N, C-alpha and C. Protein backbone atom coordinates (compact mmCIF):
# COMPACT_ATOMS: atom_id res chain seq x y z
N MET A 1 -10.21 -32.39 1.64
CA MET A 1 -9.44 -31.89 0.52
C MET A 1 -9.87 -30.49 0.12
N ALA A 2 -11.15 -30.21 0.21
CA ALA A 2 -11.66 -28.89 -0.17
C ALA A 2 -11.15 -27.82 0.79
N THR A 3 -11.04 -28.12 2.07
CA THR A 3 -10.55 -27.13 3.03
C THR A 3 -9.08 -26.84 2.80
N SER A 4 -8.32 -27.86 2.40
CA SER A 4 -6.90 -27.65 2.12
C SER A 4 -6.71 -26.72 0.93
N ALA A 5 -7.49 -26.93 -0.12
CA ALA A 5 -7.40 -26.07 -1.30
C ALA A 5 -7.83 -24.65 -0.96
N LYS A 6 -8.84 -24.52 -0.13
CA LYS A 6 -9.32 -23.19 0.25
C LYS A 6 -8.28 -22.46 1.09
N SER A 7 -7.63 -23.17 2.02
CA SER A 7 -6.61 -22.51 2.85
C SER A 7 -5.41 -22.09 2.02
N LYS A 8 -5.02 -22.92 1.03
CA LYS A 8 -3.92 -22.54 0.15
C LYS A 8 -4.29 -21.31 -0.67
N GLU A 9 -5.54 -21.27 -1.13
CA GLU A 9 -5.99 -20.15 -1.93
C GLU A 9 -5.99 -18.86 -1.12
N SER A 10 -6.43 -18.94 0.14
CA SER A 10 -6.47 -17.72 0.96
C SER A 10 -5.08 -17.24 1.31
N VAL A 11 -4.12 -18.15 1.42
CA VAL A 11 -2.75 -17.74 1.75
C VAL A 11 -2.07 -17.13 0.53
N THR A 12 -2.29 -17.70 -0.64
CA THR A 12 -1.58 -17.22 -1.83
C THR A 12 -2.30 -16.08 -2.52
N SER A 13 -3.56 -15.84 -2.20
CA SER A 13 -4.29 -14.79 -2.91
C SER A 13 -3.82 -13.41 -2.53
N GLY A 14 -3.20 -13.24 -1.36
CA GLY A 14 -2.68 -11.94 -0.96
C GLY A 14 -3.79 -10.98 -0.57
N GLY A 15 -4.94 -11.49 -0.17
CA GLY A 15 -6.05 -10.65 0.22
C GLY A 15 -5.78 -9.95 1.54
N SER A 16 -6.71 -9.07 1.91
CA SER A 16 -6.53 -8.30 3.14
C SER A 16 -6.60 -9.18 4.38
N ALA A 17 -7.37 -10.26 4.33
CA ALA A 17 -7.46 -11.14 5.49
C ALA A 17 -6.10 -11.78 5.77
N SER A 18 -5.38 -12.21 4.73
CA SER A 18 -4.08 -12.82 4.96
C SER A 18 -3.06 -11.78 5.45
N PHE A 19 -3.19 -10.54 5.00
CA PHE A 19 -2.29 -9.49 5.49
C PHE A 19 -2.51 -9.25 6.97
N VAL A 20 -3.77 -9.16 7.39
CA VAL A 20 -4.08 -8.95 8.81
C VAL A 20 -3.60 -10.14 9.63
N GLN A 21 -3.79 -11.34 9.12
CA GLN A 21 -3.30 -12.53 9.83
C GLN A 21 -1.78 -12.51 9.92
N ASN A 22 -1.11 -12.06 8.87
CA ASN A 22 0.35 -12.01 8.88
C ASN A 22 0.89 -10.97 9.85
N LEU A 23 0.10 -9.94 10.15
CA LEU A 23 0.56 -8.92 11.11
C LEU A 23 0.80 -9.50 12.49
N PHE A 24 0.09 -10.55 12.82
CA PHE A 24 0.21 -11.13 14.15
C PHE A 24 1.04 -12.40 14.16
N HIS A 25 1.78 -12.62 13.10
CA HIS A 25 2.67 -13.78 12.99
C HIS A 25 4.10 -13.28 13.12
N ALA A 26 4.92 -13.94 13.92
CA ALA A 26 6.27 -13.43 14.19
C ALA A 26 7.36 -14.12 13.38
N GLY A 27 7.04 -15.13 12.60
CA GLY A 27 8.06 -15.89 11.88
C GLY A 27 8.62 -15.14 10.68
N LEU A 28 9.74 -15.64 10.19
CA LEU A 28 10.38 -15.08 9.01
C LEU A 28 10.11 -15.97 7.81
N TYR A 29 9.80 -15.37 6.69
CA TYR A 29 9.57 -16.11 5.45
C TYR A 29 10.90 -16.27 4.73
N LYS A 30 11.29 -17.50 4.43
CA LYS A 30 12.56 -17.81 3.76
C LYS A 30 13.70 -17.03 4.42
N ARG A 31 13.94 -17.36 5.64
CA ARG A 31 14.84 -16.64 6.54
C ARG A 31 16.20 -16.28 5.95
N ASN A 32 16.85 -17.17 5.23
CA ASN A 32 18.22 -16.93 4.77
C ASN A 32 18.31 -16.39 3.35
N GLN A 33 17.19 -16.11 2.72
CA GLN A 33 17.23 -15.63 1.34
C GLN A 33 16.89 -14.15 1.30
N GLY A 34 17.63 -13.39 0.54
CA GLY A 34 17.36 -11.96 0.38
C GLY A 34 17.51 -11.16 1.66
N ARG A 35 18.39 -11.61 2.54
CA ARG A 35 18.51 -10.98 3.85
C ARG A 35 18.94 -9.52 3.76
N ILE A 36 19.95 -9.23 2.96
CA ILE A 36 20.47 -7.86 2.89
C ILE A 36 19.41 -6.92 2.31
N THR A 37 18.76 -7.34 1.23
CA THR A 37 17.74 -6.50 0.61
C THR A 37 16.59 -6.24 1.57
N ARG A 38 16.18 -7.26 2.31
CA ARG A 38 15.10 -7.08 3.28
C ARG A 38 15.52 -6.16 4.42
N GLN A 39 16.76 -6.30 4.87
CA GLN A 39 17.23 -5.44 5.96
C GLN A 39 17.30 -3.98 5.51
N VAL A 40 17.78 -3.75 4.31
CA VAL A 40 17.87 -2.38 3.80
C VAL A 40 16.47 -1.79 3.59
N THR A 41 15.55 -2.60 3.07
CA THR A 41 14.17 -2.13 2.89
C THR A 41 13.54 -1.81 4.23
N PHE A 42 13.72 -2.68 5.21
CA PHE A 42 13.19 -2.41 6.55
C PHE A 42 13.80 -1.14 7.12
N ALA A 43 15.11 -0.97 6.95
CA ALA A 43 15.78 0.22 7.48
C ALA A 43 15.23 1.49 6.84
N ALA A 44 14.97 1.46 5.53
CA ALA A 44 14.43 2.64 4.85
C ALA A 44 13.03 2.97 5.37
N ILE A 45 12.19 1.95 5.53
CA ILE A 45 10.85 2.18 6.07
C ILE A 45 10.94 2.67 7.51
N ALA A 46 11.84 2.09 8.29
CA ALA A 46 11.99 2.47 9.69
C ALA A 46 12.47 3.92 9.81
N ILE A 47 13.39 4.34 8.97
CA ILE A 47 13.87 5.72 9.01
C ILE A 47 12.74 6.68 8.65
N ALA A 48 11.94 6.33 7.65
CA ALA A 48 10.80 7.17 7.29
C ALA A 48 9.81 7.27 8.45
N MET A 49 9.54 6.15 9.11
CA MET A 49 8.64 6.16 10.27
C MET A 49 9.24 6.99 11.41
N LEU A 50 10.52 6.83 11.65
CA LEU A 50 11.18 7.57 12.73
C LEU A 50 11.13 9.07 12.47
N LEU A 51 11.40 9.49 11.25
CA LEU A 51 11.36 10.91 10.93
C LEU A 51 9.95 11.48 11.05
N GLY A 52 8.96 10.70 10.62
CA GLY A 52 7.57 11.14 10.74
C GLY A 52 7.15 11.28 12.19
N CYS A 53 7.53 10.33 13.02
CA CYS A 53 7.18 10.39 14.45
C CYS A 53 7.95 11.50 15.14
N TRP A 54 9.18 11.74 14.73
CA TRP A 54 9.95 12.84 15.29
C TRP A 54 9.30 14.18 14.96
N ARG A 55 8.84 14.30 13.72
CA ARG A 55 8.14 15.54 13.31
C ARG A 55 6.85 15.71 14.09
N LEU A 56 6.12 14.63 14.32
CA LEU A 56 4.90 14.69 15.13
C LEU A 56 5.25 15.10 16.56
N HIS A 57 6.34 14.57 17.09
CA HIS A 57 6.79 14.92 18.44
C HIS A 57 7.11 16.41 18.54
N LEU A 58 7.78 16.95 17.52
CA LEU A 58 8.16 18.37 17.55
C LEU A 58 6.97 19.30 17.37
N SER A 59 5.95 18.86 16.63
CA SER A 59 4.81 19.73 16.36
C SER A 59 3.74 19.68 17.44
N ALA A 60 3.85 18.77 18.39
CA ALA A 60 2.84 18.65 19.44
C ALA A 60 3.02 19.75 20.49
N ASP A 61 1.95 20.01 21.23
CA ASP A 61 1.97 20.99 22.32
C ASP A 61 2.93 20.50 23.41
N PRO A 62 3.90 21.33 23.84
CA PRO A 62 4.89 20.88 24.84
C PRO A 62 4.27 20.49 26.18
N THR A 63 3.09 20.99 26.50
CA THR A 63 2.50 20.66 27.80
C THR A 63 1.70 19.37 27.75
N ASP A 64 1.35 18.88 26.55
CA ASP A 64 0.56 17.66 26.43
C ASP A 64 1.51 16.47 26.23
N VAL A 65 1.80 15.77 27.33
CA VAL A 65 2.76 14.67 27.30
C VAL A 65 2.27 13.51 26.43
N ALA A 66 0.96 13.24 26.47
CA ALA A 66 0.42 12.12 25.69
C ALA A 66 0.61 12.36 24.19
N MET A 67 0.38 13.57 23.74
CA MET A 67 0.54 13.88 22.31
C MET A 67 2.01 14.06 21.94
N ARG A 68 2.83 14.49 22.88
CA ARG A 68 4.23 14.76 22.58
C ARG A 68 5.08 13.50 22.62
N ILE A 69 4.77 12.58 23.52
CA ILE A 69 5.59 11.38 23.66
C ILE A 69 4.79 10.11 23.38
N GLY A 70 3.61 10.02 23.94
CA GLY A 70 2.83 8.78 23.84
C GLY A 70 2.41 8.42 22.43
N LEU A 71 1.78 9.36 21.72
CA LEU A 71 1.31 9.07 20.36
C LEU A 71 2.47 8.78 19.40
N PRO A 72 3.53 9.60 19.37
CA PRO A 72 4.65 9.24 18.47
C PRO A 72 5.28 7.89 18.80
N ALA A 73 5.40 7.58 20.10
CA ALA A 73 5.98 6.28 20.49
C ALA A 73 5.09 5.13 20.06
N ALA A 74 3.78 5.29 20.24
CA ALA A 74 2.85 4.23 19.83
C ALA A 74 2.86 4.05 18.32
N LEU A 75 2.84 5.16 17.58
CA LEU A 75 2.88 5.08 16.12
C LEU A 75 4.19 4.49 15.62
N LEU A 76 5.29 4.85 16.26
CA LEU A 76 6.60 4.30 15.86
C LEU A 76 6.65 2.80 16.11
N THR A 77 6.15 2.37 17.27
CA THR A 77 6.15 0.94 17.58
C THR A 77 5.29 0.18 16.58
N ALA A 78 4.08 0.67 16.33
CA ALA A 78 3.20 0.01 15.36
C ALA A 78 3.80 0.04 13.96
N GLY A 79 4.38 1.16 13.57
CA GLY A 79 4.98 1.28 12.24
C GLY A 79 6.16 0.35 12.05
N LEU A 80 7.01 0.22 13.07
CA LEU A 80 8.15 -0.69 12.96
C LEU A 80 7.70 -2.14 12.85
N TRP A 81 6.66 -2.49 13.63
CA TRP A 81 6.15 -3.86 13.55
C TRP A 81 5.55 -4.13 12.17
N ILE A 82 4.79 -3.19 11.65
CA ILE A 82 4.20 -3.37 10.32
C ILE A 82 5.30 -3.45 9.26
N ALA A 83 6.33 -2.63 9.38
CA ALA A 83 7.44 -2.68 8.43
C ALA A 83 8.14 -4.04 8.49
N TYR A 84 8.32 -4.55 9.69
CA TYR A 84 8.95 -5.87 9.87
C TYR A 84 8.09 -6.95 9.21
N ARG A 85 6.80 -6.86 9.38
CA ARG A 85 5.91 -7.86 8.79
C ARG A 85 5.80 -7.70 7.28
N VAL A 86 5.82 -6.48 6.78
CA VAL A 86 5.69 -6.26 5.34
C VAL A 86 6.87 -6.88 4.59
N VAL A 87 8.08 -6.73 5.11
CA VAL A 87 9.23 -7.30 4.40
C VAL A 87 9.26 -8.82 4.51
N ASN A 88 8.38 -9.40 5.33
CA ASN A 88 8.29 -10.85 5.43
C ASN A 88 7.00 -11.41 4.83
N LEU A 89 6.18 -10.56 4.18
CA LEU A 89 5.05 -11.08 3.43
C LEU A 89 5.57 -11.90 2.25
N ALA A 90 4.91 -12.98 1.94
CA ALA A 90 5.42 -13.91 0.93
C ALA A 90 5.68 -13.22 -0.41
N ASN A 91 4.70 -12.50 -0.93
CA ASN A 91 4.87 -11.89 -2.26
C ASN A 91 5.97 -10.83 -2.25
N PHE A 92 5.98 -9.98 -1.24
CA PHE A 92 6.98 -8.91 -1.18
C PHE A 92 8.37 -9.47 -0.89
N ALA A 93 8.44 -10.47 -0.01
CA ALA A 93 9.73 -11.08 0.30
C ALA A 93 10.29 -11.79 -0.94
N ASP A 94 9.43 -12.47 -1.69
CA ASP A 94 9.91 -13.11 -2.93
C ASP A 94 10.44 -12.07 -3.92
N PHE A 95 9.76 -10.92 -3.98
CA PHE A 95 10.24 -9.84 -4.85
C PHE A 95 11.62 -9.37 -4.39
N LEU A 96 11.79 -9.14 -3.09
CA LEU A 96 13.08 -8.68 -2.57
C LEU A 96 14.17 -9.74 -2.76
N ILE A 97 13.81 -11.00 -2.63
CA ILE A 97 14.77 -12.08 -2.87
C ILE A 97 15.21 -12.06 -4.33
N SER A 98 14.27 -11.85 -5.23
CA SER A 98 14.60 -11.77 -6.66
C SER A 98 15.48 -10.57 -6.97
N VAL A 99 15.20 -9.45 -6.31
CA VAL A 99 16.02 -8.25 -6.50
C VAL A 99 17.45 -8.52 -6.08
N GLU A 100 17.63 -9.14 -4.92
CA GLU A 100 18.99 -9.43 -4.46
C GLU A 100 19.69 -10.41 -5.39
N ALA A 101 18.96 -11.39 -5.90
CA ALA A 101 19.57 -12.35 -6.84
C ALA A 101 20.01 -11.65 -8.12
N GLU A 102 19.20 -10.73 -8.63
CA GLU A 102 19.56 -10.00 -9.84
C GLU A 102 20.73 -9.05 -9.60
N MET A 103 20.77 -8.43 -8.43
CA MET A 103 21.87 -7.51 -8.12
C MET A 103 23.20 -8.25 -8.03
N SER A 104 23.16 -9.50 -7.63
CA SER A 104 24.41 -10.26 -7.57
C SER A 104 24.92 -10.61 -8.96
N LYS A 105 24.07 -10.54 -9.98
CA LYS A 105 24.48 -10.83 -11.36
C LYS A 105 25.05 -9.62 -12.07
N VAL A 106 24.88 -8.44 -11.49
CA VAL A 106 25.33 -7.21 -12.14
C VAL A 106 26.85 -7.16 -12.13
N SER A 107 27.43 -6.76 -13.27
CA SER A 107 28.89 -6.58 -13.31
C SER A 107 29.18 -5.12 -12.98
N TRP A 108 29.71 -4.90 -11.81
CA TRP A 108 29.98 -3.55 -11.34
C TRP A 108 31.30 -3.06 -11.92
N PRO A 109 31.41 -1.76 -12.22
CA PRO A 109 32.66 -1.25 -12.80
C PRO A 109 33.78 -1.21 -11.75
N THR A 110 35.00 -1.27 -12.25
CA THR A 110 36.14 -1.12 -11.36
C THR A 110 36.27 0.35 -10.97
N LYS A 111 37.14 0.63 -10.03
CA LYS A 111 37.32 2.01 -9.59
C LYS A 111 37.82 2.89 -10.74
N THR A 112 38.73 2.36 -11.54
CA THR A 112 39.26 3.12 -12.67
C THR A 112 38.16 3.43 -13.69
N GLU A 113 37.34 2.42 -14.01
CA GLU A 113 36.24 2.65 -14.95
C GLU A 113 35.24 3.65 -14.39
N LEU A 114 34.98 3.59 -13.10
CA LEU A 114 34.05 4.52 -12.47
C LEU A 114 34.57 5.95 -12.54
N VAL A 115 35.86 6.15 -12.26
CA VAL A 115 36.45 7.49 -12.32
C VAL A 115 36.42 8.02 -13.76
N ARG A 116 36.80 7.17 -14.72
CA ARG A 116 36.79 7.60 -16.12
C ARG A 116 35.38 7.96 -16.58
N GLY A 117 34.42 7.12 -16.27
CA GLY A 117 33.04 7.40 -16.65
C GLY A 117 32.51 8.67 -16.01
N SER A 118 32.85 8.88 -14.74
CA SER A 118 32.41 10.10 -14.05
C SER A 118 33.04 11.34 -14.66
N MET A 119 34.30 11.25 -15.05
CA MET A 119 34.97 12.39 -15.68
C MET A 119 34.32 12.73 -17.03
N VAL A 120 33.96 11.72 -17.79
CA VAL A 120 33.29 11.96 -19.07
C VAL A 120 31.97 12.68 -18.84
N VAL A 121 31.21 12.23 -17.86
CA VAL A 121 29.92 12.85 -17.57
C VAL A 121 30.11 14.30 -17.11
N LEU A 122 31.06 14.54 -16.21
CA LEU A 122 31.29 15.90 -15.70
C LEU A 122 31.76 16.84 -16.81
N ILE A 123 32.66 16.38 -17.65
CA ILE A 123 33.15 17.23 -18.74
C ILE A 123 32.02 17.53 -19.72
N THR A 124 31.20 16.54 -20.02
CA THR A 124 30.07 16.76 -20.92
C THR A 124 29.09 17.76 -20.33
N ILE A 125 28.80 17.66 -19.06
CA ILE A 125 27.89 18.60 -18.40
C ILE A 125 28.45 20.02 -18.43
N LEU A 126 29.75 20.16 -18.13
CA LEU A 126 30.36 21.49 -18.15
C LEU A 126 30.36 22.07 -19.57
N PHE A 127 30.65 21.24 -20.58
CA PHE A 127 30.62 21.70 -21.96
C PHE A 127 29.21 22.18 -22.34
N LEU A 128 28.20 21.39 -22.01
CA LEU A 128 26.84 21.77 -22.35
C LEU A 128 26.40 23.02 -21.59
N ALA A 129 26.83 23.16 -20.34
CA ALA A 129 26.48 24.37 -19.58
C ALA A 129 27.09 25.60 -20.23
N GLY A 130 28.37 25.51 -20.65
CA GLY A 130 29.01 26.63 -21.34
C GLY A 130 28.34 26.93 -22.67
N PHE A 131 27.97 25.89 -23.40
CA PHE A 131 27.30 26.05 -24.69
C PHE A 131 25.95 26.74 -24.51
N LEU A 132 25.18 26.32 -23.54
CA LEU A 132 23.88 26.95 -23.27
C LEU A 132 24.04 28.38 -22.77
N PHE A 133 25.07 28.63 -21.96
CA PHE A 133 25.34 29.99 -21.50
C PHE A 133 25.64 30.90 -22.69
N MET A 134 26.44 30.39 -23.64
CA MET A 134 26.78 31.17 -24.82
C MET A 134 25.52 31.51 -25.63
N PHE A 135 24.66 30.54 -25.87
CA PHE A 135 23.42 30.81 -26.60
C PHE A 135 22.54 31.79 -25.85
N ASP A 136 22.45 31.64 -24.54
CA ASP A 136 21.62 32.55 -23.74
C ASP A 136 22.17 33.97 -23.83
N PHE A 137 23.48 34.11 -23.75
CA PHE A 137 24.11 35.43 -23.83
C PHE A 137 23.86 36.06 -25.20
N ILE A 138 24.04 35.26 -26.27
CA ILE A 138 23.83 35.78 -27.63
C ILE A 138 22.39 36.21 -27.82
N TRP A 139 21.42 35.38 -27.42
CA TRP A 139 20.02 35.74 -27.59
C TRP A 139 19.64 36.95 -26.73
N ALA A 140 20.22 37.07 -25.55
CA ALA A 140 19.94 38.25 -24.72
C ALA A 140 20.44 39.51 -25.42
N MET A 141 21.64 39.45 -26.04
CA MET A 141 22.15 40.62 -26.75
C MET A 141 21.28 40.94 -27.97
N VAL A 142 20.82 39.92 -28.69
CA VAL A 142 19.97 40.14 -29.85
C VAL A 142 18.66 40.79 -29.42
N PHE A 143 18.06 40.30 -28.34
CA PHE A 143 16.80 40.88 -27.87
C PHE A 143 16.97 42.31 -27.35
N LYS A 144 18.12 42.60 -26.74
CA LYS A 144 18.38 43.98 -26.30
C LYS A 144 18.56 44.89 -27.51
N TYR A 145 19.26 44.41 -28.53
CA TYR A 145 19.47 45.20 -29.74
C TYR A 145 18.14 45.49 -30.45
N LEU A 146 17.24 44.53 -30.47
CA LEU A 146 15.96 44.72 -31.11
C LEU A 146 14.97 45.50 -30.26
N GLY A 147 15.32 45.72 -29.00
CA GLY A 147 14.46 46.47 -28.10
C GLY A 147 13.33 45.66 -27.49
N ILE A 148 13.43 44.34 -27.58
CA ILE A 148 12.39 43.48 -27.00
C ILE A 148 12.56 43.40 -25.48
N VAL A 149 13.81 43.34 -25.05
CA VAL A 149 14.12 43.31 -23.61
C VAL A 149 14.88 44.58 -23.28
N GLY A 150 14.49 45.23 -22.17
CA GLY A 150 15.10 46.51 -21.81
C GLY A 150 16.32 46.34 -21.05
């Protein structure tokens, strides 16, 4: 009984040992829950890894094949695997599942409401920009008249 409690504690504690153990596990945690959120999160991490490896590829010496192709490919492979495992860690996956559940509860505006709201924001921004321009122009003229600004 004591070993069972200890194994549960090590799995749920989220310590570094469980993270390293999870890196070498290929299964999916709660496979059908939060799928879209996990896929989008993985895609964002993968794009960041891809761009970083591409930048490393471009900055390497063109004559050194290992640094130009080998290292970026190895880092990309390792990074994609770690990203895949991170989105399937129990704590992080539960968070992503909760995010997707909350997003499904959001009442999204209709197209008409979206256009109206956007027009209000754009008109307000243009009005404030004109208002600030007017104040800036007036203060510039006052400072020129007083000889503070040449």
